[in-house]
């Protein structure tokens, strides 16, 4: 819904998956005058989208993926019943790569030494983001799940679940678990949940949470995880215990930019795109992939 949502706030029309929408006045991506050996690190949305566009320009593109599967955060983002379009888009990008001349190396974790050995003309870092885990006592207990990992790997939970983090990931994870018959509560430090959800989708998401009986509580800070639940602190400094079988951590994502920082001064052309700049939305990844593909 970004295309419509942006209009409400006076922004130019743009699409989450089509970077040309709203930029039709620009020249199309033209064939490279001098083809380069381009190394793409990371096979998520930004990495795949860029690799395909760079290959279409005539560059010799190699993509390194640290796991056995392309997709990045699209994989867990497509799990929910109402996210079938994300699943379709993820499969589309994977097909595009497989049907192109992009050389994909799976289960290959990029290091500075490996990149130097490959000696590319240009490096595009698309290493994405990793969960931001709160440093509280009990975070390593067996009753704790990390939302993104839980969704991607199909990890089970107990019947009563508390989700820590009421952003888009936390709310959609809660909805997903409630649809499986779990009793779910969501807490957040902000006064209300779903603060990072775009205007066009926020109210329908909140209504879906209400319809499933999901309790949401704002103004609560996680201070400890116990065997029987969590201890939280409200805005007045009062602490209380909330009981549950499983605690799901959905406290956001942070940029995985360590490799970029190692490489930025080692090569003449080093770019970064997507969540490794800052964890954001689809539209940011596709716009950055497009812009670097135009420039490279």
C-alpha atoms as a PDB file:
ATOM      1  CA  UNK A   1       0.000   0.000   0.000  1.00  0.00           C
ATOM      2  CA  UNK A   2       3.008   2.326  -0.172  1.00  0.00           C
ATOM      3  CA  UNK A   3       1.871   3.658  -3.557  1.00  0.00           C
ATOM      4  CA  UNK A   4      -1.338   5.092  -2.059  1.00  0.00           C
ATOM      5  CA  UNK A   5      -0.014   5.767   1.446  1.00  0.00           C
ATOM      6  CA  UNK A   6       2.683   8.128   0.164  1.00  0.00           C
ATOM      7  CA  UNK A   7       0.137  10.323  -1.619  1.00  0.00           C
ATOM      8  CA  UNK A   8      -1.605  11.061   1.694  1.00  0.00           C
ATOM      9  CA  UNK A   9       1.621  12.599   2.967  1.00  0.00           C
ATOM     10  CA  UNK A  10       2.511  14.607  -0.136  1.00  0.00           C
ATOM     11  CA  UNK A  11       5.280  12.293  -1.318  1.00  0.00           C
ATOM     12  CA  UNK A  12       5.931  11.293  -4.933  1.00  0.00           C
ATOM     13  CA  UNK A  13       4.282   8.091  -6.127  1.00  0.00           C
ATOM     14  CA  UNK A  14       6.466   5.038  -5.574  1.00  0.00           C
ATOM     15  CA  UNK A  15       6.066   1.271  -5.409  1.00  0.00           C
ATOM     16  CA  UNK A  16       7.474  -1.315  -3.006  1.00  0.00           C
ATOM     17  CA  UNK A  17       8.537  -3.624  -5.839  1.00  0.00           C
ATOM     18  CA  UNK A  18       8.716  -1.477  -8.995  1.00  0.00           C
ATOM     19  CA  UNK A  19      11.463   1.159  -8.617  1.00  0.00           C
ATOM     20  CA  UNK A  20      10.580   2.879 -11.900  1.00  0.00           C
ATOM     21  CA  UNK A  21       7.068   3.902 -10.791  1.00  0.00           C
ATOM     22  CA  UNK A  22       7.092   7.658 -10.257  1.00  0.00           C
ATOM     23  CA  UNK A  23      10.411   8.001 -12.060  1.00  0.00           C
ATOM     24  CA  UNK A  24       9.238   7.475 -15.616  1.00  0.00           C
ATOM     25  CA  UNK A  25      10.791  10.824 -16.550  1.00  0.00           C
ATOM     26  CA  UNK A  26      14.257   9.316 -16.037  1.00  0.00           C
ATOM     27  CA  UNK A  27      16.136   7.392 -18.708  1.00  0.00           C
ATOM     28  CA  UNK A  28      15.853   3.604 -18.478  1.00  0.00           C
ATOM     29  CA  UNK A  29      18.802   1.599 -17.185  1.00  0.00           C
ATOM     30  CA  UNK A  30      21.188   1.589 -20.136  1.00  0.00           C
ATOM     31  CA  UNK A  31      23.737  -1.123 -21.013  1.00  0.00           C
ATOM     32  CA  UNK A  32      27.068  -0.630 -19.284  1.00  0.00           C
ATOM     33  CA  UNK A  33      29.693   1.068 -21.442  1.00  0.00           C
ATOM     34  CA  UNK A  34      32.359  -0.961 -19.659  1.00  0.00           C
ATOM     35  CA  UNK A  35      31.124  -4.249 -18.121  1.00  0.00           C
ATOM     36  CA  UNK A  36      32.511  -4.946 -14.662  1.00  0.00           C
ATOM     37  CA  UNK A  37      32.966  -7.915 -12.393  1.00  0.00           C
ATOM     38  CA  UNK A  38      30.424  -7.120  -9.682  1.00  0.00           C
ATOM     39  CA  UNK A  39      30.239  -8.955  -6.364  1.00  0.00           C
ATOM     40  CA  UNK A  40      26.932  -8.844  -4.473  1.00  0.00           C
ATOM     41  CA  UNK A  41      26.994  -9.928  -0.832  1.00  0.00           C
ATOM     42  CA  UNK A  42      23.618 -11.053   0.463  1.00  0.00           C
ATOM     43  CA  UNK A  43      20.694 -12.752  -1.258  1.00  0.00           C
ATOM     44  CA  UNK A  44      17.775 -10.926   0.303  1.00  0.00           C
ATOM     45  CA  UNK A  45      15.403  -8.591  -1.509  1.00  0.00           C
ATOM     46  CA  UNK A  46      17.917  -5.795  -2.081  1.00  0.00           C
ATOM     47  CA  UNK A  47      20.714  -8.137  -3.162  1.00  0.00           C
ATOM     48  CA  UNK A  48      18.568 -10.130  -5.587  1.00  0.00           C
ATOM     49  CA  UNK A  49      16.898  -7.070  -7.115  1.00  0.00           C
ATOM     50  CA  UNK A  50      20.230  -5.336  -7.652  1.00  0.00           C
ATOM     51  CA  UNK A  51      21.968  -8.456  -9.013  1.00  0.00           C
ATOM     52  CA  UNK A  52      19.274  -8.905 -11.666  1.00  0.00           C
ATOM     53  CA  UNK A  53      19.391  -5.263 -12.751  1.00  0.00           C
ATOM     54  CA  UNK A  54      23.199  -5.242 -12.864  1.00  0.00           C
ATOM     55  CA  UNK A  55      23.221  -8.448 -14.925  1.00  0.00           C
ATOM     56  CA  UNK A  56      20.756  -6.893 -17.372  1.00  0.00           C
ATOM     57  CA  UNK A  57      23.202  -4.006 -17.834  1.00  0.00           C
ATOM     58  CA  UNK A  58      25.827  -6.502 -18.988  1.00  0.00           C
ATOM     59  CA  UNK A  59      27.920  -6.790 -15.845  1.00  0.00           C
ATOM     60  CA  UNK A  60      29.395 -10.136 -14.776  1.00  0.00           C
ATOM     61  CA  UNK A  61      27.617 -10.622 -11.433  1.00  0.00           C
ATOM     62  CA  UNK A  62      28.422 -13.051  -8.618  1.00  0.00           C
ATOM     63  CA  UNK A  63      26.138 -13.250  -5.586  1.00  0.00           C
ATOM     64  CA  UNK A  64      27.320 -14.694  -2.260  1.00  0.00           C
ATOM     65  CA  UNK A  65      24.611 -16.055   0.063  1.00  0.00           C
ATOM     66  CA  UNK A  66      25.582 -17.234   3.544  1.00  0.00           C
ATOM     67  CA  UNK A  67      22.706 -19.742   3.771  1.00  0.00           C
ATOM     68  CA  UNK A  68      21.368 -22.450   1.494  1.00  0.00           C
ATOM     69  CA  UNK A  69      18.427 -20.345   0.295  1.00  0.00           C
ATOM     70  CA  UNK A  70      17.799 -16.941  -1.252  1.00  0.00           C
ATOM     71  CA  UNK A  71      15.152 -14.657   0.201  1.00  0.00           C
ATOM     72  CA  UNK A  72      16.483 -13.038   3.365  1.00  0.00           C
ATOM     73  CA  UNK A  73      13.740 -11.552   5.551  1.00  0.00           C
ATOM     74  CA  UNK A  74      11.203 -12.158   2.791  1.00  0.00           C
ATOM     75  CA  UNK A  75      11.188 -15.804   3.870  1.00  0.00           C
ATOM     76  CA  UNK A  76       9.713 -15.187   7.309  1.00  0.00           C
ATOM     77  CA  UNK A  77       7.716 -12.211   6.041  1.00  0.00           C
ATOM     78  CA  UNK A  78       5.806 -14.546   3.724  1.00  0.00           C
ATOM     79  CA  UNK A  79       4.755 -17.022   6.428  1.00  0.00           C
ATOM     80  CA  UNK A  80       1.542 -15.294   7.532  1.00  0.00           C
ATOM     81  CA  UNK A  81      -1.698 -16.200   5.793  1.00  0.00           C
ATOM     82  CA  UNK A  82      -2.304 -12.592   4.700  1.00  0.00           C
ATOM     83  CA  UNK A  83       1.196 -12.256   3.188  1.00  0.00           C
ATOM     84  CA  UNK A  84       0.825 -14.514   0.154  1.00  0.00           C
ATOM     85  CA  UNK A  85       1.801 -11.625  -2.107  1.00  0.00           C
ATOM     86  CA  UNK A  86       5.142 -11.424  -0.284  1.00  0.00           C
ATOM     87  CA  UNK A  87       5.621 -15.138  -0.926  1.00  0.00           C
ATOM     88  CA  UNK A  88       4.850 -14.638  -4.621  1.00  0.00           C
ATOM     89  CA  UNK A  89       7.275 -11.732  -4.874  1.00  0.00           C
ATOM     90  CA  UNK A  90      10.032 -13.675  -3.114  1.00  0.00           C
ATOM     91  CA  UNK A  91       9.582 -16.611  -5.509  1.00  0.00           C
ATOM     92  CA  UNK A  92       9.561 -14.178  -8.440  1.00  0.00           C
ATOM     93  CA  UNK A  93      12.922 -12.688  -7.429  1.00  0.00           C
ATOM     94  CA  UNK A  94      14.425 -16.154  -6.944  1.00  0.00           C
ATOM     95  CA  UNK A  95      13.200 -17.224 -10.419  1.00  0.00           C
ATOM     96  CA  UNK A  96      14.655 -14.055 -11.913  1.00  0.00           C
ATOM     97  CA  UNK A  97      18.057 -14.893 -10.458  1.00  0.00           C
ATOM     98  CA  UNK A  98      17.930 -18.556 -11.460  1.00  0.00           C
ATOM     99  CA  UNK A  99      16.937 -17.650 -15.028  1.00  0.00           C
ATOM    100  CA  UNK A 100      19.709 -15.074 -15.353  1.00  0.00           C
ATOM    101  CA  UNK A 101      23.475 -15.251 -15.742  1.00  0.00           C
ATOM    102  CA  UNK A 102      24.042 -14.283 -12.105  1.00  0.00           C
ATOM    103  CA  UNK A 103      26.382 -16.798 -10.473  1.00  0.00           C
ATOM    104  CA  UNK A 104      25.089 -17.678  -6.987  1.00  0.00           C
ATOM    105  CA  UNK A 105      27.365 -19.218  -4.365  1.00  0.00           C
ATOM    106  CA  UNK A 106      25.297 -20.643  -1.512  1.00  0.00           C
ATOM    107  CA  UNK A 107      26.508 -21.353   2.034  1.00  0.00           C
ATOM    108  CA  UNK A 108      29.297 -18.868   1.472  1.00  0.00           C
ATOM    109  CA  UNK A 109      29.880 -16.338   4.223  1.00  0.00           C
ATOM    110  CA  UNK A 110      31.716 -13.340   2.822  1.00  0.00           C
ATOM    111  CA  UNK A 111      34.826 -12.113   4.592  1.00  0.00           C
ATOM    112  CA  UNK A 112      37.280  -9.370   3.761  1.00  0.00           C
ATOM    113  CA  UNK A 113      39.834 -12.021   2.821  1.00  0.00           C
ATOM    114  CA  UNK A 114      37.432 -13.803   0.463  1.00  0.00           C
ATOM    115  CA  UNK A 115      36.395 -10.570  -1.232  1.00  0.00           C
ATOM    116  CA  UNK A 116      40.052  -9.636  -1.755  1.00  0.00           C
ATOM    117  CA  UNK A 117      40.675 -13.076  -3.222  1.00  0.00           C
ATOM    118  CA  UNK A 118      37.777 -12.664  -5.689  1.00  0.00           C
ATOM    119  CA  UNK A 119      39.076  -9.174  -6.558  1.00  0.00           C
ATOM    120  CA  UNK A 120      35.878  -7.688  -8.046  1.00  0.00           C
ATOM    121  CA  UNK A 121      35.695  -4.302  -9.783  1.00  0.00           C
ATOM    122  CA  UNK A 122      32.759  -3.317  -7.589  1.00  0.00           C
ATOM    123  CA  UNK A 123      31.264  -4.662  -4.362  1.00  0.00           C
ATOM    124  CA  UNK A 124      27.634  -4.217  -3.353  1.00  0.00           C
ATOM    125  CA  UNK A 125      26.967  -5.093   0.279  1.00  0.00           C
ATOM    126  CA  UNK A 126      23.399  -6.230   0.973  1.00  0.00           C
ATOM    127  CA  UNK A 127      23.944  -8.120   4.226  1.00  0.00           C
ATOM    128  CA  UNK A 128      20.607  -7.002   5.643  1.00  0.00           C
ATOM    129  CA  UNK A 129      19.723  -6.802   9.309  1.00  0.00           C
ATOM    130  CA  UNK A 130      19.720  -9.000  12.384  1.00  0.00           C
ATOM    131  CA  UNK A 131      17.345  -9.060  15.376  1.00  0.00           C
ATOM    132  CA  UNK A 132      17.989  -6.462  18.055  1.00  0.00           C
ATOM    133  CA  UNK A 133      17.973  -8.553  21.230  1.00  0.00           C
ATOM    134  CA  UNK A 134      17.374  -6.792  24.560  1.00  0.00           C
ATOM    135  CA  UNK A 135      20.086  -7.378  27.132  1.00  0.00           C
ATOM    136  CA  UNK A 136      17.958  -8.513  30.063  1.00  0.00           C
ATOM    137  CA  UNK A 137      18.360 -11.373  32.547  1.00  0.00           C
ATOM    138  CA  UNK A 138      16.819 -14.601  31.233  1.00  0.00           C
ATOM    139  CA  UNK A 139      17.042 -13.757  27.530  1.00  0.00           C
ATOM    140  CA  UNK A 140      18.713 -17.137  26.901  1.00  0.00           C
ATOM    141  CA  UNK A 141      16.056 -19.205  28.678  1.00  0.00           C
ATOM    142  CA  UNK A 142      14.486 -22.121  26.733  1.00  0.00           C
ATOM    143  CA  UNK A 143      11.046 -20.459  26.851  1.00  0.00           C
ATOM    144  CA  UNK A 144      12.293 -17.580  24.663  1.00  0.00           C
ATOM    145  CA  UNK A 145      11.866 -17.352  20.886  1.00  0.00           C
ATOM    146  CA  UNK A 146      13.174 -14.739  18.450  1.00  0.00           C
ATOM    147  CA  UNK A 147      10.259 -13.772  16.192  1.00  0.00           C
ATOM    148  CA  UNK A 148      12.042 -13.822  12.825  1.00  0.00           C
ATOM    149  CA  UNK A 149      13.826 -17.102  13.532  1.00  0.00           C
ATOM    150  CA  UNK A 150      10.666 -18.675  14.963  1.00  0.00           C
ATOM    151  CA  UNK A 151       8.688 -17.844  11.826  1.00  0.00           C
ATOM    152  CA  UNK A 152      11.399 -18.925   9.393  1.00  0.00           C
ATOM    153  CA  UNK A 153      12.127 -22.233  11.153  1.00  0.00           C
ATOM    154  CA  UNK A 154       8.566 -23.026  12.224  1.00  0.00           C
ATOM    155  CA  UNK A 155       9.443 -23.193  15.917  1.00  0.00           C
ATOM    156  CA  UNK A 156       6.564 -24.057  18.221  1.00  0.00           C
ATOM    157  CA  UNK A 157       5.397 -22.133  21.290  1.00  0.00           C
ATOM    158  CA  UNK A 158       3.335 -22.866  24.360  1.00  0.00           C
ATOM    159  CA  UNK A 159      -0.360 -22.056  24.495  1.00  0.00           C
ATOM    160  CA  UNK A 160       0.020 -18.718  26.291  1.00  0.00           C
ATOM    161  CA  UNK A 161       2.395 -16.328  24.531  1.00  0.00           C
ATOM    162  CA  UNK A 162       3.640 -12.838  25.327  1.00  0.00           C
ATOM    163  CA  UNK A 163       5.253 -10.930  22.476  1.00  0.00           C
ATOM    164  CA  UNK A 164       7.760  -8.271  23.496  1.00  0.00           C
ATOM    165  CA  UNK A 165       7.707  -5.580  20.833  1.00  0.00           C
ATOM    166  CA  UNK A 166       4.580  -4.131  19.266  1.00  0.00           C
ATOM    167  CA  UNK A 167       5.875  -3.005  15.891  1.00  0.00           C
ATOM    168  CA  UNK A 168       4.841  -4.538  12.574  1.00  0.00           C
ATOM    169  CA  UNK A 169       6.785  -7.764  13.171  1.00  0.00           C
ATOM    170  CA  UNK A 170       5.414  -8.201  16.678  1.00  0.00           C
ATOM    171  CA  UNK A 171       1.816  -7.489  15.690  1.00  0.00           C
ATOM    172  CA  UNK A 172       1.858  -9.753  12.655  1.00  0.00           C
ATOM    173  CA  UNK A 173       3.579 -12.518  14.603  1.00  0.00           C
ATOM    174  CA  UNK A 174       0.889 -12.219  17.253  1.00  0.00           C
ATOM    175  CA  UNK A 175      -1.833 -12.431  14.638  1.00  0.00           C
ATOM    176  CA  UNK A 176      -0.151 -15.476  13.111  1.00  0.00           C
ATOM    177  CA  UNK A 177       0.018 -17.269  16.475  1.00  0.00           C
ATOM    178  CA  UNK A 178      -3.581 -16.357  17.340  1.00  0.00           C
ATOM    179  CA  UNK A 179      -4.715 -17.844  14.041  1.00  0.00           C
ATOM    180  CA  UNK A 180      -3.056 -21.072  15.206  1.00  0.00           C
ATOM    181  CA  UNK A 181      -5.150 -21.022  18.375  1.00  0.00           C
ATOM    182  CA  UNK A 182      -2.624 -19.483  20.769  1.00  0.00           C
ATOM    183  CA  UNK A 183      -3.571 -16.980  23.478  1.00  0.00           C
ATOM    184  CA  UNK A 184      -1.472 -13.896  22.725  1.00  0.00           C
ATOM    185  CA  UNK A 185      -0.603 -10.641  24.474  1.00  0.00           C
ATOM    186  CA  UNK A 186       1.659  -7.951  23.014  1.00  0.00           C
ATOM    187  CA  UNK A 187       3.581  -5.383  25.050  1.00  0.00           C
ATOM    188  CA  UNK A 188       5.597  -2.379  23.932  1.00  0.00           C
ATOM    189  CA  UNK A 189       7.499   0.516  25.480  1.00  0.00           C
ATOM    190  CA  UNK A 190       5.534   2.995  23.356  1.00  0.00           C
ATOM    191  CA  UNK A 191       2.019   4.019  24.472  1.00  0.00           C
ATOM    192  CA  UNK A 192       0.418   2.121  21.569  1.00  0.00           C
ATOM    193  CA  UNK A 193       1.383  -0.778  19.319  1.00  0.00           C
ATOM    194  CA  UNK A 194       1.789  -0.722  15.507  1.00  0.00           C
ATOM    195  CA  UNK A 195       3.404   2.722  15.520  1.00  0.00           C
ATOM    196  CA  UNK A 196       5.677   1.777  12.600  1.00  0.00           C
ATOM    197  CA  UNK A 197       2.876   0.435  10.392  1.00  0.00           C
ATOM    198  CA  UNK A 198       1.921   2.592   7.414  1.00  0.00           C
ATOM    199  CA  UNK A 199      -1.282   4.638   7.702  1.00  0.00           C
ATOM    200  CA  UNK A 200      -3.137   2.657   5.040  1.00  0.00           C
ATOM    201  CA  UNK A 201      -2.650  -0.646   6.883  1.00  0.00           C
ATOM    202  CA  UNK A 202      -2.450   0.249  10.576  1.00  0.00           C
ATOM    203  CA  UNK A 203      -6.136   0.385  11.435  1.00  0.00           C
ATOM    204  CA  UNK A 204      -7.016  -2.841   9.653  1.00  0.00           C
ATOM    205  CA  UNK A 205      -4.134  -4.557  11.483  1.00  0.00           C
ATOM    206  CA  UNK A 206      -5.334  -3.238  14.859  1.00  0.00           C
ATOM    207  CA  UNK A 207      -8.851  -4.420  14.079  1.00  0.00           C
ATOM    208  CA  UNK A 208      -7.506  -7.872  13.169  1.00  0.00           C
ATOM    209  CA  UNK A 209      -5.702  -8.017  16.536  1.00  0.00           C
ATOM    210  CA  UNK A 210      -8.898  -7.076  18.374  1.00  0.00           C
ATOM    211  CA  UNK A 211     -10.971  -9.605  16.458  1.00  0.00           C
ATOM    212  CA  UNK A 212      -8.598 -12.366  17.542  1.00  0.00           C
ATOM    213  CA  UNK A 213      -8.750 -11.304  21.188  1.00  0.00           C
ATOM    214  CA  UNK A 214      -5.105 -10.253  21.293  1.00  0.00           C
ATOM    215  CA  UNK A 215      -4.403  -8.041  24.293  1.00  0.00           C
ATOM    216  CA  UNK A 216      -2.060  -5.098  23.653  1.00  0.00           C
ATOM    217  CA  UNK A 217      -0.378  -3.100  26.412  1.00  0.00           C
ATOM    218  CA  UNK A 218       1.795  -0.028  25.912  1.00  0.00           C
ATOM    219  CA  UNK A 219       4.172   1.788  28.225  1.00  0.00           C
ATOM    220  CA  UNK A 220       5.834  -1.377  29.493  1.00  0.00           C
ATOM    221  CA  UNK A 221       9.563  -2.063  29.513  1.00  0.00           C
ATOM    222  CA  UNK A 222      10.908  -5.626  29.699  1.00  0.00           C
ATOM    223  CA  UNK A 223      13.322  -5.983  32.638  1.00  0.00           C
ATOM    224  CA  UNK A 224      13.622  -9.751  33.101  1.00  0.00           C
ATOM    225  CA  UNK A 225      12.482 -13.099  31.679  1.00  0.00           C
ATOM    226  CA  UNK A 226      11.688 -15.874  34.154  1.00  0.00           C
ATOM    227  CA  UNK A 227      10.691 -19.528  33.855  1.00  0.00           C
ATOM    228  CA  UNK A 228       7.043 -18.516  34.206  1.00  0.00           C
ATOM    229  CA  UNK A 229       6.909 -15.304  32.175  1.00  0.00           C
ATOM    230  CA  UNK A 230       8.323 -11.790  32.247  1.00  0.00           C
ATOM    231  CA  UNK A 231       8.830  -8.897  34.625  1.00  0.00           C
ATOM    232  CA  UNK A 232       8.002  -5.465  33.224  1.00  0.00           C
ATOM    233  CA  UNK A 233       8.282  -1.891  34.419  1.00  0.00           C
ATOM    234  CA  UNK A 234       5.690   0.786  33.653  1.00  0.00           C
ATOM    235  CA  UNK A 235       6.305   4.497  33.042  1.00  0.00           C
ATOM    236  CA  UNK A 236       6.026   5.214  36.772  1.00  0.00           C
ATOM    237  CA  UNK A 237       8.748   2.706  37.645  1.00  0.00           C
ATOM    238  CA  UNK A 238       6.359   0.114  39.038  1.00  0.00           C
ATOM    239  CA  UNK A 239       7.267  -3.511  38.316  1.00  0.00           C
ATOM    240  CA  UNK A 240       4.925  -6.433  37.835  1.00  0.00           C
ATOM    241  CA  UNK A 241       5.079 -10.003  36.610  1.00  0.00           C
ATOM    242  CA  UNK A 242       3.160 -11.314  33.600  1.00  0.00           C
ATOM    243  CA  UNK A 243       2.858 -15.074  33.217  1.00  0.00           C
ATOM    244  CA  UNK A 244       3.094 -17.050  29.986  1.00  0.00           C
ATOM    245  CA  UNK A 245       4.466 -20.261  28.516  1.00  0.00           C
ATOM    246  CA  UNK A 246       6.582 -18.639  25.798  1.00  0.00           C
ATOM    247  CA  UNK A 247       8.165 -15.214  25.359  1.00  0.00           C
ATOM    248  CA  UNK A 248       8.621 -14.045  21.761  1.00  0.00           C
ATOM    249  CA  UNK A 249      11.129 -11.254  21.180  1.00  0.00           C
ATOM    250  CA  UNK A 250      10.165  -8.837  18.407  1.00  0.00           C
ATOM    251  CA  UNK A 251      12.079  -5.748  19.477  1.00  0.00           C
ATOM    252  CA  UNK A 252      13.175  -4.755  16.013  1.00  0.00           C
ATOM    253  CA  UNK A 253      16.109  -5.260  13.683  1.00  0.00           C
ATOM    254  CA  UNK A 254      19.499  -3.603  13.455  1.00  0.00           C
ATOM    255  CA  UNK A 255      21.775  -3.158  10.461  1.00  0.00           C
ATOM    256  CA  UNK A 256      24.346  -5.880   9.837  1.00  0.00           C
ATOM    257  CA  UNK A 257      26.996  -3.473   8.544  1.00  0.00           C
ATOM    258  CA  UNK A 258      30.221  -4.925   9.956  1.00  0.00           C
ATOM    259  CA  UNK A 259      31.433  -6.307   6.614  1.00  0.00           C
ATOM    260  CA  UNK A 260      30.708  -3.042   4.815  1.00  0.00           C
ATOM    261  CA  UNK A 261      32.781  -1.182   7.391  1.00  0.00           C
ATOM    262  CA  UNK A 262      35.665  -3.599   6.760  1.00  0.00           C
ATOM    263  CA  UNK A 263      35.464  -3.247   2.977  1.00  0.00           C
ATOM    264  CA  UNK A 264      34.667   0.423   2.455  1.00  0.00           C
ATOM    265  CA  UNK A 265      38.313   1.506   2.374  1.00  0.00           C
ATOM    266  CA  UNK A 266      39.633  -1.600   0.598  1.00  0.00           C
ATOM    267  CA  UNK A 267      38.065  -1.116  -2.860  1.00  0.00           C
ATOM    268  CA  UNK A 268      37.416   1.825  -5.159  1.00  0.00           C
ATOM    269  CA  UNK A 269      33.761   0.927  -5.577  1.00  0.00           C
ATOM    270  CA  UNK A 270      31.908  -0.294  -2.485  1.00  0.00           C
ATOM    271  CA  UNK A 271      28.185   0.313  -2.096  1.00  0.00           C
ATOM    272  CA  UNK A 272      25.612  -0.755   0.469  1.00  0.00           C
ATOM    273  CA  UNK A 273      21.899  -1.150  -0.030  1.00  0.00           C
ATOM    274  CA  UNK A 274      18.879  -2.274   1.982  1.00  0.00           C
ATOM    275  CA  UNK A 275      18.764  -3.085   5.668  1.00  0.00           C
ATOM    276  CA  UNK A 276      22.546  -3.040   6.153  1.00  0.00           C
ATOM    277  CA  UNK A 277      22.206   0.762   6.041  1.00  0.00           C
ATOM    278  CA  UNK A 278      19.247   0.753   8.448  1.00  0.00           C
ATOM    279  CA  UNK A 279      16.412  -1.710   8.951  1.00  0.00           C
ATOM    280  CA  UNK A 280      13.461  -0.296   7.014  1.00  0.00           C
ATOM    281  CA  UNK A 281      10.818  -1.360   4.502  1.00  0.00           C
ATOM    282  CA  UNK A 282      10.671  -3.057   1.082  1.00  0.00           C
ATOM    283  CA  UNK A 283      10.454   0.256  -0.731  1.00  0.00           C
ATOM    284  CA  UNK A 284      13.787   1.468   0.643  1.00  0.00           C
ATOM    285  CA  UNK A 285      15.576  -1.704  -0.451  1.00  0.00           C
ATOM    286  CA  UNK A 286      14.215  -1.623  -4.002  1.00  0.00           C
ATOM    287  CA  UNK A 287      14.873   2.109  -4.460  1.00  0.00           C
ATOM    288  CA  UNK A 288      18.483   1.770  -3.310  1.00  0.00           C
ATOM    289  CA  UNK A 289      19.070  -1.322  -5.449  1.00  0.00           C
ATOM    290  CA  UNK A 290      17.737   0.568  -8.475  1.00  0.00           C
ATOM    291  CA  UNK A 291      19.823   3.677  -7.835  1.00  0.00           C
ATOM    292  CA  UNK A 292      23.086   1.755  -7.479  1.00  0.00           C
ATOM    293  CA  UNK A 293      22.239  -0.315 -10.562  1.00  0.00           C
ATOM    294  CA  UNK A 294      21.803   2.928 -12.536  1.00  0.00           C
ATOM    295  CA  UNK A 295      25.083   4.356 -11.259  1.00  0.00           C
ATOM    296  CA  UNK A 296      27.392   1.344 -11.343  1.00  0.00           C
END
